[in-house]
Protein backbone atom coordinates (compact mmCIF):
# COMPACT_ATOMS: atom_id res chain seq x y z
CA MET A 1 22.88 -0.54 -5.89
CA SER A 2 23.65 -3.23 -3.32
CA ARG A 3 22.41 -6.75 -3.93
CA PRO A 4 19.89 -6.74 -1.00
CA LEU A 5 18.42 -3.46 -2.24
CA GLN A 6 18.19 -4.78 -5.79
CA GLU A 7 16.45 -7.91 -4.50
CA ALA A 8 13.97 -5.71 -2.62
CA GLU A 9 13.36 -3.68 -5.79
CA ASP A 10 12.66 -6.94 -7.61
CA ARG A 11 10.08 -7.97 -4.99
CA LEU A 12 7.88 -4.87 -5.25
CA ARG A 13 6.61 -2.97 -8.22
CA GLU A 14 4.16 -0.13 -8.01
CA GLY A 15 2.10 1.45 -10.70
CA THR A 16 0.68 4.85 -10.03
CA VAL A 17 -2.33 5.63 -12.14
CA LEU A 18 -3.57 9.14 -11.53
CA SER A 19 -6.90 9.84 -13.07
CA SER A 20 -8.52 13.10 -12.07
CA ASP A 21 -10.09 11.52 -8.97
CA PRO A 22 -9.17 9.32 -7.21
CA GLY A 23 -5.45 8.55 -7.43
CA VAL A 24 -4.96 4.79 -7.65
CA LEU A 25 -1.74 3.18 -6.50
CA SER A 26 -1.42 -0.47 -7.50
CA LEU A 27 1.19 -2.47 -5.60
CA VAL A 28 2.57 -5.79 -6.83
CA GLY A 29 4.92 -8.13 -4.97
CA ASP A 30 6.17 -8.07 -1.39
CA ILE A 31 5.66 -5.23 1.09
CA ASP A 32 8.20 -5.66 3.85
CA VAL A 33 10.96 -3.79 5.67
CA ARG A 34 13.03 -3.70 2.48
CA THR A 35 10.32 -2.23 0.27
CA VAL A 36 8.31 0.16 2.48
CA SER A 37 10.39 3.18 1.46
CA ARG A 38 9.26 2.64 -2.14
CA VAL A 39 5.64 2.46 -0.98
CA GLN A 40 6.08 5.71 0.97
CA GLU A 41 7.59 7.40 -2.05
CA ALA A 42 4.72 6.24 -4.27
CA VAL A 43 2.13 7.46 -1.74
CA ARG A 44 3.85 10.85 -1.58
CA ILE A 45 3.75 11.10 -5.38
CA CYS A 46 0.03 10.33 -5.32
CA LEU A 47 -0.64 12.90 -2.60
CA ASP A 48 1.45 15.53 -4.38
CA ALA A 49 -0.98 15.28 -7.32
CA GLN A 50 -3.71 16.43 -4.89
CA PRO A 51 -6.47 13.97 -5.79
CA THR A 52 -9.61 14.01 -3.66
CA ALA A 53 -8.82 10.43 -2.65
CA VAL A 54 -6.04 7.85 -2.87
CA CYS A 55 -6.92 4.19 -3.32
CA VAL A 56 -4.18 1.62 -2.74
CA ASP A 57 -4.85 -1.59 -4.67
CA LEU A 58 -3.33 -4.52 -2.77
CA SER A 59 -4.69 -7.29 -5.00
CA GLY A 60 -1.22 -7.91 -6.48
CA VAL A 61 0.58 -8.03 -3.12
CA THR A 62 2.00 -11.50 -2.47
CA PHE A 63 3.46 -10.88 1.00
CA CYS A 64 3.04 -8.25 3.71
CA ASP A 65 4.66 -8.10 7.14
CA CYS A 66 4.22 -5.66 10.03
CA ALA A 67 6.31 -3.06 8.20
CA GLY A 68 3.76 -3.26 5.39
CA ILE A 69 0.89 -2.77 7.84
CA ASN A 70 2.69 0.20 9.35
CA VAL A 71 3.22 1.84 5.98
CA MET A 72 -0.49 1.45 5.16
CA LEU A 73 -1.41 3.09 8.48
CA TRP A 74 1.17 5.83 7.77
CA ALA A 75 -0.36 6.38 4.32
CA ARG A 76 -3.83 6.67 5.86
CA ARG A 77 -2.54 9.29 8.35
CA GLU A 78 -0.71 11.24 5.62
CA ALA A 79 -3.81 11.30 3.44
CA GLY A 80 -5.91 12.48 6.39
CA ARG A 81 -3.37 15.16 7.21
CA THR A 82 -3.77 16.60 3.71
CA GLY A 83 -7.56 16.23 3.67
CA THR A 84 -7.39 13.45 1.10
CA GLY A 85 -9.64 10.40 1.29
CA PHE A 86 -7.89 7.06 1.65
CA SER A 87 -8.94 3.49 0.96
CA LEU A 88 -7.50 0.07 0.32
CA ARG A 89 -8.91 -2.42 -2.10
CA GLY A 90 -8.32 -6.07 -2.79
CA PRO A 91 -9.07 -8.82 -2.95
CA LEU A 92 -6.27 -9.70 -0.57
CA ARG A 93 -4.40 -12.95 -0.84
CA PRO A 94 -5.01 -15.08 2.28
CA VAL A 95 -1.45 -14.62 3.63
CA VAL A 96 -1.83 -10.82 3.38
CA ALA A 97 -5.34 -10.81 4.86
CA ARG A 98 -4.07 -12.85 7.81
CA VAL A 99 -1.46 -10.20 8.71
CA PHE A 100 -4.14 -7.50 8.63
CA THR A 101 -6.33 -9.62 10.90
CA LEU A 102 -3.60 -10.70 13.34
CA THR A 103 -2.37 -7.14 13.85
CA GLY A 104 -5.86 -5.71 14.26
CA ALA A 105 -5.27 -3.39 11.31
CA ASP A 106 -8.34 -4.81 9.61
CA SER A 107 -10.45 -2.71 11.98
CA PHE A 108 -8.83 0.47 10.61
CA VAL A 109 -8.50 -0.38 6.96
CA SER A 110 -10.55 -3.22 5.56
CA PRO A 111 -9.81 -4.13 1.98
CA ALA A 112 -11.87 -6.88 0.37
CA ARG A 113 -10.51 -10.35 1.00
CA ALA A 114 -9.90 -13.07 -1.55
CA ALA A 115 -12.45 -15.84 -1.51
């Protein structure tokens, strides 16, 4: 694995916990252009288990850029396409909440914000 890819792997960890309903995907670390493919893969794994809903827990996310916002919107569309409910939960760290607000994505998906 190349050094930049290994560094990206080190910046994002995901834990997929599939109870019967809903599927919970907990993300930890950075969500950016280097890590979105891992998020997509984790979402696909969740959706393949066919839960009634997928909840993405962003409380452990330390950084998110526009690529991260796009992958969350993609995940919402994919869940809708399969008839699966989709939600995000926090609390969000202020730097992550700011990206959601600045891009207008908070009007589509509104996870709880950190105090």
